[in-house]
Amino acid sequence: MTSKLFYCFARHLIHHNSEIAKKAGYKNVNYVKSQMIADGNFSTVKSPNPEEIESLDLALKLGNKEKADIVIGTDPDADRLGIAIRDLKII
């Protein structure tokens, strides 16, 4: 699979699972580095809820710059998910 995948994943938690993307066949997986640092105040977002489009802002900007096919974001405990496809609409 040659698609680009841009993760905004597990906001400010230490744990994230890049193996899922690799097992799905994605070879070009990127992360919002500032959101991969443990931060209980979630200082890079107004709200860590991926159901709110603003929570994906950093990933959408970087994903657009890199021409990512998919942007994925979760809330800190990964029980909510936001996904944007190439045209950057939430699905």
PDB file of N, CA and C in Angstrom:
ATOM      1  N   MET A   1       0.855  -1.172   0.000  1.00  0.00           N
ATOM      2  CA  MET A   1       0.000   0.000   0.000  1.00  0.00           C
ATOM      3  C   MET A   1       0.901   1.235   0.000  1.00  0.00           C
ATOM      4  N   THR A   2       0.655   2.161  -0.898  1.00  0.00           N
ATOM      5  CA  THR A   2       1.504   3.344  -0.986  1.00  0.00           C
ATOM      6  C   THR A   2       0.844   4.581  -0.400  1.00  0.00           C
ATOM      7  N   SER A   3      -0.339   4.453   0.117  1.00  0.00           N
ATOM      8  CA  SER A   3      -1.033   5.602   0.697  1.00  0.00           C
ATOM      9  C   SER A   3      -0.247   6.177   1.859  1.00  0.00           C
ATOM     10  N   LYS A   4      -0.372   7.486   2.021  1.00  0.00           N
ATOM     11  CA  LYS A   4       0.232   8.152   3.172  1.00  0.00           C
ATOM     12  C   LYS A   4      -0.806   8.248   4.272  1.00  0.00           C
ATOM     13  N   LEU A   5      -0.400   7.932   5.446  1.00  0.00           N
ATOM     14  CA  LEU A   5      -1.278   7.989   6.607  1.00  0.00           C
ATOM     15  C   LEU A   5      -0.668   8.950   7.602  1.00  0.00           C
ATOM     16  N   PHE A   6      -1.467   9.893   8.075  1.00  0.00           N
ATOM     17  CA  PHE A   6      -0.960  10.833   9.069  1.00  0.00           C
ATOM     18  C   PHE A   6      -1.760  10.675  10.340  1.00  0.00           C
ATOM     19  N   TYR A   7      -1.097  10.275  11.388  1.00  0.00           N
ATOM     20  CA  TYR A   7      -1.737  10.061  12.676  1.00  0.00           C
ATOM     21  C   TYR A   7      -1.621  11.285  13.563  1.00  0.00           C
ATOM     22  N   CYS A   8      -2.701  11.594  14.208  1.00  0.00           N
ATOM     23  CA  CYS A   8      -2.719  12.510  15.346  1.00  0.00           C
ATOM     24  C   CYS A   8      -3.297  11.619  16.435  1.00  0.00           C
ATOM     25  N   PHE A   9      -2.485  10.817  17.059  1.00  0.00           N
ATOM     26  CA  PHE A   9      -2.965   9.626  17.747  1.00  0.00           C
ATOM     27  C   PHE A   9      -2.671   9.676  19.233  1.00  0.00           C
ATOM     28  N   ALA A  10      -3.647   9.298  20.047  1.00  0.00           N
ATOM     29  CA  ALA A  10      -3.494   9.146  21.503  1.00  0.00           C
ATOM     30  C   ALA A  10      -2.921  10.404  22.135  1.00  0.00           C
ATOM     31  N   ARG A  11      -3.569  11.485  21.886  1.00  0.00           N
ATOM     32  CA  ARG A  11      -3.093  12.805  22.299  1.00  0.00           C
ATOM     33  C   ARG A  11      -2.484  12.839  23.696  1.00  0.00           C
ATOM     34  N   HIS A  12      -1.234  13.162  23.723  1.00  0.00           N
ATOM     35  CA  HIS A  12      -0.477  13.413  24.954  1.00  0.00           C
ATOM     36  C   HIS A  12      -0.428  12.215  25.901  1.00  0.00           C
ATOM     37  N   LEU A  13      -0.505  11.044  25.343  1.00  0.00           N
ATOM     38  CA  LEU A  13      -0.273   9.842  26.147  1.00  0.00           C
ATOM     39  C   LEU A  13       1.043   9.224  25.709  1.00  0.00           C
ATOM     40  N   ILE A  14       1.640   8.491  26.583  1.00  0.00           N
ATOM     41  CA  ILE A  14       2.917   7.869  26.250  1.00  0.00           C
ATOM     42  C   ILE A  14       2.713   6.730  25.255  1.00  0.00           C
ATOM     43  N   HIS A  15       1.624   5.995  25.392  1.00  0.00           N
ATOM     44  CA  HIS A  15       1.405   4.819  24.554  1.00  0.00           C
ATOM     45  C   HIS A  15       0.728   5.190  23.237  1.00  0.00           C
ATOM     46  N   HIS A  16       1.241   4.675  22.181  1.00  0.00           N
ATOM     47  CA  HIS A  16       0.569   4.715  20.882  1.00  0.00           C
ATOM     48  C   HIS A  16       0.974   3.446  20.153  1.00  0.00           C
ATOM     49  N   ASN A  17       0.233   3.058  19.158  1.00  0.00           N
ATOM     50  CA  ASN A  17       0.502   1.788  18.514  1.00  0.00           C
ATOM     51  C   ASN A  17       0.712   1.968  17.021  1.00  0.00           C
ATOM     52  N   SER A  18       1.950   2.164  16.626  1.00  0.00           N
ATOM     53  CA  SER A  18       2.261   2.301  15.207  1.00  0.00           C
ATOM     54  C   SER A  18       2.181   0.957  14.496  1.00  0.00           C
ATOM     55  N   GLU A  19       2.194  -0.128  15.246  1.00  0.00           N
ATOM     56  CA  GLU A  19       2.127  -1.456  14.640  1.00  0.00           C
ATOM     57  C   GLU A  19       0.816  -1.679  13.896  1.00  0.00           C
ATOM     58  N   ILE A  20      -0.263  -1.071  14.357  1.00  0.00           N
ATOM     59  CA  ILE A  20      -1.553  -1.238  13.680  1.00  0.00           C
ATOM     60  C   ILE A  20      -1.451  -0.763  12.245  1.00  0.00           C
ATOM     61  N   ALA A  21      -0.900   0.427  12.047  1.00  0.00           N
ATOM     62  CA  ALA A  21      -0.763   0.978  10.699  1.00  0.00           C
ATOM     63  C   ALA A  21       0.178   0.121   9.855  1.00  0.00           C
ATOM     64  N   LYS A  22       1.268  -0.317  10.450  1.00  0.00           N
ATOM     65  CA  LYS A  22       2.215  -1.155   9.709  1.00  0.00           C
ATOM     66  C   LYS A  22       1.566  -2.462   9.280  1.00  0.00           C
ATOM     67  N   LYS A  23       0.813  -3.080  10.188  1.00  0.00           N
ATOM     68  CA  LYS A  23       0.151  -4.342   9.862  1.00  0.00           C
ATOM     69  C   LYS A  23      -0.923  -4.155   8.799  1.00  0.00           C
ATOM     70  N   ALA A  24      -1.492  -2.947   8.733  1.00  0.00           N
ATOM     71  CA  ALA A  24      -2.497  -2.650   7.711  1.00  0.00           C
ATOM     72  C   ALA A  24      -1.844  -2.353   6.362  1.00  0.00           C
ATOM     73  N   GLY A  25      -0.521  -2.302   6.333  1.00  0.00           N
ATOM     74  CA  GLY A  25       0.187  -2.114   5.080  1.00  0.00           C
ATOM     75  C   GLY A  25       0.658  -0.701   4.800  1.00  0.00           C
ATOM     76  N   TYR A  26       0.428   0.211   5.728  1.00  0.00           N
ATOM     77  CA  TYR A  26       0.897   1.582   5.529  1.00  0.00           C
ATOM     78  C   TYR A  26       2.387   1.656   5.821  1.00  0.00           C
ATOM     79  N   LYS A  27       3.141   2.174   4.859  1.00  0.00           N
ATOM     80  CA  LYS A  27       4.578   2.287   5.031  1.00  0.00           C
ATOM     81  C   LYS A  27       4.998   3.714   5.366  1.00  0.00           C
ATOM     82  N   ASN A  28       4.152   4.664   5.088  1.00  0.00           N
ATOM     83  CA  ASN A  28       4.478   6.068   5.326  1.00  0.00           C
ATOM     84  C   ASN A  28       3.546   6.609   6.404  1.00  0.00           C
ATOM     85  N   VAL A  29       3.890   6.364   7.648  1.00  0.00           N
ATOM     86  CA  VAL A  29       3.067   6.775   8.781  1.00  0.00           C
ATOM     87  C   VAL A  29       3.802   7.871   9.541  1.00  0.00           C
ATOM     88  N   ASN A  30       3.116   8.965   9.796  1.00  0.00           N
ATOM     89  CA  ASN A  30       3.699  10.097  10.512  1.00  0.00           C
ATOM     90  C   ASN A  30       2.836  10.449  11.711  1.00  0.00           C
ATOM     91  N   TYR A  31       3.421  11.182  12.634  1.00  0.00           N
ATOM     92  CA  TYR A  31       2.721  11.570  13.855  1.00  0.00           C
ATOM     93  C   TYR A  31       2.914  13.052  14.109  1.00  0.00           C
ATOM     94  N   VAL A  32       1.964  13.652  14.817  1.00  0.00           N
ATOM     95  CA  VAL A  32       2.133  15.017  15.304  1.00  0.00           C
ATOM     96  C   VAL A  32       3.008  14.887  16.546  1.00  0.00           C
ATOM     97  N   LYS A  33       4.281  15.186  16.385  1.00  0.00           N
ATOM     98  CA  LYS A  33       5.251  14.928  17.457  1.00  0.00           C
ATOM     99  C   LYS A  33       4.898  15.641  18.754  1.00  0.00           C
ATOM    100  N   SER A  34       4.387  16.862  18.652  1.00  0.00           N
ATOM    101  CA  SER A  34       4.055  17.613  19.871  1.00  0.00           C
ATOM    102  C   SER A  34       2.910  16.970  20.639  1.00  0.00           C
ATOM    103  N   GLN A  35       2.127  16.106  19.975  1.00  0.00           N
ATOM    104  CA  GLN A  35       1.017  15.441  20.644  1.00  0.00           C
ATOM    105  C   GLN A  35       1.372  14.027  21.093  1.00  0.00           C
ATOM    106  N   MET A  36       2.615  13.647  20.920  1.00  0.00           N
ATOM    107  CA  MET A  36       3.059  12.332  21.363  1.00  0.00           C
ATOM    108  C   MET A  36       3.769  12.418  22.713  1.00  0.00           C
ATOM    109  N   ILE A  37       3.790  13.595  23.290  1.00  0.00           N
ATOM    110  CA  ILE A  37       4.434  13.830  24.582  1.00  0.00           C
ATOM    111  C   ILE A  37       3.358  13.813  25.666  1.00  0.00           C
ATOM    112  N   ALA A  38       3.608  13.092  26.736  1.00  0.00           N
ATOM    113  CA  ALA A  38       2.636  13.040  27.833  1.00  0.00           C
ATOM    114  C   ALA A  38       2.380  14.450  28.365  1.00  0.00           C
ATOM    115  N   ASP A  39       1.111  14.856  28.380  1.00  0.00           N
ATOM    116  CA  ASP A  39       0.721  16.198  28.832  1.00  0.00           C
ATOM    117  C   ASP A  39      -0.736  16.131  29.271  1.00  0.00           C
ATOM    118  N   GLY A  40      -0.957  15.979  30.559  1.00  0.00           N
ATOM    119  CA  GLY A  40      -2.312  15.878  31.093  1.00  0.00           C
ATOM    120  C   GLY A  40      -3.155  17.121  30.895  1.00  0.00           C
ATOM    121  N   ASN A  41      -2.526  18.241  30.514  1.00  0.00           N
ATOM    122  CA  ASN A  41      -3.272  19.476  30.240  1.00  0.00           C
ATOM    123  C   ASN A  41      -3.689  19.582  28.779  1.00  0.00           C
ATOM    124  N   PHE A  42      -3.228  18.651  27.942  1.00  0.00           N
ATOM    125  CA  PHE A  42      -3.572  18.636  26.513  1.00  0.00           C
ATOM    126  C   PHE A  42      -3.343  20.011  25.891  1.00  0.00           C
ATOM    127  N   SER A  43      -2.150  20.547  26.099  1.00  0.00           N
ATOM    128  CA  SER A  43      -1.866  21.938  25.752  1.00  0.00           C
ATOM    129  C   SER A  43      -1.846  22.245  24.258  1.00  0.00           C
ATOM    130  N   THR A  44      -1.847  21.240  23.401  1.00  0.00           N
ATOM    131  CA  THR A  44      -1.832  21.522  21.961  1.00  0.00           C
ATOM    132  C   THR A  44      -3.221  21.595  21.347  1.00  0.00           C
ATOM    133  N   VAL A  45      -4.255  21.343  22.148  1.00  0.00           N
ATOM    134  CA  VAL A  45      -5.632  21.389  21.636  1.00  0.00           C
ATOM    135  C   VAL A  45      -6.544  22.103  22.624  1.00  0.00           C
ATOM    136  N   LYS A  46      -7.606  22.695  22.081  1.00  0.00           N
ATOM    137  CA  LYS A  46      -8.613  23.314  22.952  1.00  0.00           C
ATOM    138  C   LYS A  46      -9.370  22.223  23.701  1.00  0.00           C
ATOM    139  N   SER A  47      -9.668  21.142  22.988  1.00  0.00           N
ATOM    140  CA  SER A  47     -10.348  19.982  23.559  1.00  0.00           C
ATOM    141  C   SER A  47      -9.749  18.735  22.920  1.00  0.00           C
ATOM    142  N   PRO A  48      -9.466  17.676  23.684  1.00  0.00           N
ATOM    143  CA  PRO A  48      -8.900  16.466  23.103  1.00  0.00           C
ATOM    144  C   PRO A  48      -9.945  15.535  22.481  1.00  0.00           C
ATOM    145  N   ASN A  49     -11.145  16.025  22.253  1.00  0.00           N
ATOM    146  CA  ASN A  49     -12.228  15.216  21.699  1.00  0.00           C
ATOM    147  C   ASN A  49     -12.147  15.212  20.169  1.00  0.00           C
ATOM    148  N   PRO A  50     -11.832  14.070  19.540  1.00  0.00           N
ATOM    149  CA  PRO A  50     -11.694  14.022  18.087  1.00  0.00           C
ATOM    150  C   PRO A  50     -13.020  14.180  17.339  1.00  0.00           C
ATOM    151  N   GLU A  51     -14.132  14.196  18.068  1.00  0.00           N
ATOM    152  CA  GLU A  51     -15.421  14.465  17.427  1.00  0.00           C
ATOM    153  C   GLU A  51     -15.563  15.948  17.098  1.00  0.00           C
ATOM    154  N   GLU A  52     -14.673  16.767  17.641  1.00  0.00           N
ATOM    155  CA  GLU A  52     -14.633  18.194  17.345  1.00  0.00           C
ATOM    156  C   GLU A  52     -13.498  18.434  16.358  1.00  0.00           C
ATOM    157  N   ILE A  53     -13.821  18.947  15.180  1.00  0.00           N
ATOM    158  CA  ILE A  53     -12.851  19.095  14.094  1.00  0.00           C
ATOM    159  C   ILE A  53     -11.597  19.861  14.521  1.00  0.00           C
ATOM    160  N   GLU A  54     -11.762  20.834  15.419  1.00  0.00           N
ATOM    161  CA  GLU A  54     -10.616  21.636  15.847  1.00  0.00           C
ATOM    162  C   GLU A  54      -9.539  20.788  16.517  1.00  0.00           C
ATOM    163  N   SER A  55      -9.936  19.667  17.092  1.00  0.00           N
ATOM    164  CA  SER A  55      -8.947  18.827  17.771  1.00  0.00           C
ATOM    165  C   SER A  55      -7.965  18.195  16.787  1.00  0.00           C
ATOM    166  N   LEU A  56      -8.328  18.161  15.515  1.00  0.00           N
ATOM    167  CA  LEU A  56      -7.455  17.587  14.490  1.00  0.00           C
ATOM    168  C   LEU A  56      -6.638  18.642  13.752  1.00  0.00           C
ATOM    169  N   ASP A  57      -6.735  19.912  14.158  1.00  0.00           N
ATOM    170  CA  ASP A  57      -6.100  21.002  13.412  1.00  0.00           C
ATOM    171  C   ASP A  57      -4.631  20.751  13.082  1.00  0.00           C
ATOM    172  N   LEU A  58      -3.825  20.400  14.068  1.00  0.00           N
ATOM    173  CA  LEU A  58      -2.396  20.196  13.807  1.00  0.00           C
ATOM    174  C   LEU A  58      -2.169  19.059  12.815  1.00  0.00           C
ATOM    175  N   ALA A  59      -2.872  17.966  12.991  1.00  0.00           N
ATOM    176  CA  ALA A  59      -2.715  16.825  12.089  1.00  0.00           C
ATOM    177  C   ALA A  59      -3.209  17.163  10.689  1.00  0.00           C
ATOM    178  N   LEU A  60      -4.308  17.912  10.592  1.00  0.00           N
ATOM    179  CA  LEU A  60      -4.822  18.288   9.279  1.00  0.00           C
ATOM    180  C   LEU A  60      -3.845  19.204   8.550  1.00  0.00           C
ATOM    181  N   LYS A  61      -3.258  20.149   9.261  1.00  0.00           N
ATOM    182  CA  LYS A  61      -2.278  21.049   8.635  1.00  0.00           C
ATOM    183  C   LYS A  61      -1.065  20.268   8.137  1.00  0.00           C
ATOM    184  N   LEU A  62      -0.525  19.410   8.993  1.00  0.00           N
ATOM    185  CA  LEU A  62       0.639  18.625   8.593  1.00  0.00           C
ATOM    186  C   LEU A  62       0.277  17.596   7.527  1.00  0.00           C
ATOM    187  N   GLY A  63      -0.884  16.978   7.679  1.00  0.00           N
ATOM    188  CA  GLY A  63      -1.331  16.010   6.687  1.00  0.00           C
ATOM    189  C   GLY A  63      -1.545  16.646   5.325  1.00  0.00           C
ATOM    190  N   ASN A  64      -2.099  17.846   5.299  1.00  0.00           N
ATOM    191  CA  ASN A  64      -2.298  18.563   4.043  1.00  0.00           C
ATOM    192  C   ASN A  64      -0.952  18.904   3.408  1.00  0.00           C
ATOM    193  N   LYS A  65      -0.017  19.356   4.226  1.00  0.00           N
ATOM    194  CA  LYS A  65       1.326  19.694   3.739  1.00  0.00           C
ATOM    195  C   LYS A  65       2.008  18.474   3.117  1.00  0.00           C
ATOM    196  N   GLU A  66       1.831  17.317   3.748  1.00  0.00           N
ATOM    197  CA  GLU A  66       2.454  16.078   3.275  1.00  0.00           C
ATOM    198  C   GLU A  66       1.584  15.322   2.267  1.00  0.00           C
ATOM    199  N   LYS A  67       0.415  15.883   1.938  1.00  0.00           N
ATOM    200  CA  LYS A  67      -0.539  15.240   1.026  1.00  0.00           C
ATOM    201  C   LYS A  67      -0.951  13.850   1.520  1.00  0.00           C
ATOM    202  N   ALA A  68      -1.236  13.777   2.810  1.00  0.00           N
ATOM    203  CA  ALA A  68      -1.670  12.515   3.417  1.00  0.00           C
ATOM    204  C   ALA A  68      -3.028  12.107   2.861  1.00  0.00           C
ATOM    205  N   ASP A  69      -3.243  10.834   2.715  1.00  0.00           N
ATOM    206  CA  ASP A  69      -4.527  10.308   2.270  1.00  0.00           C
ATOM    207  C   ASP A  69      -5.518  10.225   3.416  1.00  0.00           C
ATOM    208  N   ILE A  70      -5.016   9.945   4.601  1.00  0.00           N
ATOM    209  CA  ILE A  70      -5.875   9.745   5.765  1.00  0.00           C
ATOM    210  C   ILE A  70      -5.243  10.424   6.976  1.00  0.00           C
ATOM    211  N   VAL A  71      -6.070  11.073   7.784  1.00  0.00           N
ATOM    212  CA  VAL A  71      -5.647  11.618   9.071  1.00  0.00           C
ATOM    213  C   VAL A  71      -6.542  10.988  10.129  1.00  0.00           C
ATOM    214  N   ILE A  72      -5.932  10.440  11.162  1.00  0.00           N
ATOM    215  CA  ILE A  72      -6.681   9.777  12.226  1.00  0.00           C
ATOM    216  C   ILE A  72      -6.318  10.414  13.561  1.00  0.00           C
ATOM    217  N   GLY A  73      -7.314  10.659  14.383  1.00  0.00           N
ATOM    218  CA  GLY A  73      -7.074  11.172  15.727  1.00  0.00           C
ATOM    219  C   GLY A  73      -7.959  10.460  16.727  1.00  0.00           C
ATOM    220  N   THR A  74      -7.413  10.223  17.899  1.00  0.00           N
ATOM    221  CA  THR A  74      -8.204   9.622  18.969  1.00  0.00           C
ATOM    222  C   THR A  74      -8.184  10.544  20.179  1.00  0.00           C
ATOM    223  N   ASP A  75      -9.085  10.286  21.101  1.00  0.00           N
ATOM    224  CA  ASP A  75      -9.001  10.979  22.381  1.00  0.00           C
ATOM    225  C   ASP A  75      -7.950  10.250  23.227  1.00  0.00           C
ATOM    226  N   PRO A  76      -7.591  10.809  24.384  1.00  0.00           N
ATOM    227  CA  PRO A  76      -6.494  10.231  25.167  1.00  0.00           C
ATOM    228  C   PRO A  76      -6.649   8.760  25.536  1.00  0.00           C
ATOM    229  N   ASP A  77      -7.858   8.295  25.810  1.00  0.00           N
ATOM    230  CA  ASP A  77      -7.996   6.878  26.151  1.00  0.00           C
ATOM    231  C   ASP A  77      -8.469   6.047  24.960  1.00  0.00           C
ATOM    232  N   ALA A  78      -8.480   6.661  23.784  1.00  0.00           N
ATOM    233  CA  ALA A  78      -8.747   5.988  22.507  1.00  0.00           C
ATOM    234  C   ALA A  78     -10.130   5.348  22.419  1.00  0.00           C
ATOM    235  N   ASP A  79     -11.134   5.932  23.093  1.00  0.00           N
ATOM    236  CA  ASP A  79     -12.487   5.398  22.927  1.00  0.00           C
ATOM    237  C   ASP A  79     -13.326   6.253  21.971  1.00  0.00           C
ATOM    238  N   ARG A  80     -12.732   7.314  21.431  1.00  0.00           N
ATOM    239  CA  ARG A  80     -13.384   8.127  20.400  1.00  0.00           C
ATOM    240  C   ARG A  80     -12.378   8.345  19.275  1.00  0.00           C
ATOM    241  N   LEU A  81     -12.887   8.428  18.066  1.00  0.00           N
ATOM    242  CA  LEU A  81     -12.029   8.483  16.896  1.00  0.00           C
ATOM    243  C   LEU A  81     -12.538   9.524  15.916  1.00  0.00           C
ATOM    244  N   GLY A  82     -11.624  10.272  15.337  1.00  0.00           N
ATOM    245  CA  GLY A  82     -11.942  11.179  14.243  1.00  0.00           C
ATOM    246  C   GLY A  82     -11.080  10.802  13.053  1.00  0.00           C
ATOM    247  N   ILE A  83     -11.673  10.767  11.871  1.00  0.00           N
ATOM    248  CA  ILE A  83     -10.944  10.411  10.657  1.00  0.00           C
ATOM    249  C   ILE A  83     -11.242  11.450   9.590  1.00  0.00           C
ATOM    250  N   ALA A  84     -10.196  11.903   8.923  1.00  0.00           N
ATOM    251  CA  ALA A  84     -10.359  12.800   7.779  1.00  0.00           C
ATOM    252  C   ALA A  84      -9.723  12.121   6.573  1.00  0.00           C
ATOM    253  N   ILE A  85     -10.397  12.186   5.450  1.00  0.00           N
ATOM    254  CA  ILE A  85      -9.839  11.637   4.220  1.00  0.00           C
ATOM    255  C   ILE A  85      -9.257  12.778   3.401  1.00  0.00           C
ATOM    256  N   ARG A  86      -8.685  12.479   2.285  1.00  0.00           N
ATOM    257  CA  ARG A  86      -7.908  13.439   1.512  1.00  0.00           C
ATOM    258  C   ARG A  86      -8.581  14.790   1.348  1.00  0.00           C
ATOM    259  N   ASP A  87      -9.875  14.837   1.158  1.00  0.00           N
ATOM    260  CA  ASP A  87     -10.534  16.139   1.006  1.00  0.00           C
ATOM    261  C   ASP A  87     -10.790  16.799   2.355  1.00  0.00           C
ATOM    262  N   LEU A  88     -10.258  16.206   3.421  1.00  0.00           N
ATOM    263  CA  LEU A  88     -10.260  16.744   4.784  1.00  0.00           C
ATOM    264  C   LEU A  88     -11.646  16.951   5.368  1.00  0.00           C
ATOM    265  N   LYS A  89     -12.538  16.046   5.096  1.00  0.00           N
ATOM    266  CA  LYS A  89     -13.854  16.064   5.722  1.00  0.00           C
ATOM    267  C   LYS A  89     -13.910  14.940   6.746  1.00  0.00           C
ATOM    268  N   ILE A  90     -14.524  15.222   7.871  1.00  0.00           N
ATOM    269  CA  ILE A  90     -14.682  14.194   8.897  1.00  0.00           C
ATOM    270  C   ILE A  90     -15.673  13.151   8.394  1.00  0.00           C
ATOM    271  N   ILE A  91     -15.342  11.868   8.582  1.00  0.00           N
ATOM    272  CA  ILE A  91     -16.269  10.794   8.217  1.00  0.00           C
ATOM    273  C   ILE A  91     -16.526   9.933   9.441  1.00  0.00           C
TER     274      ILE A  91
END
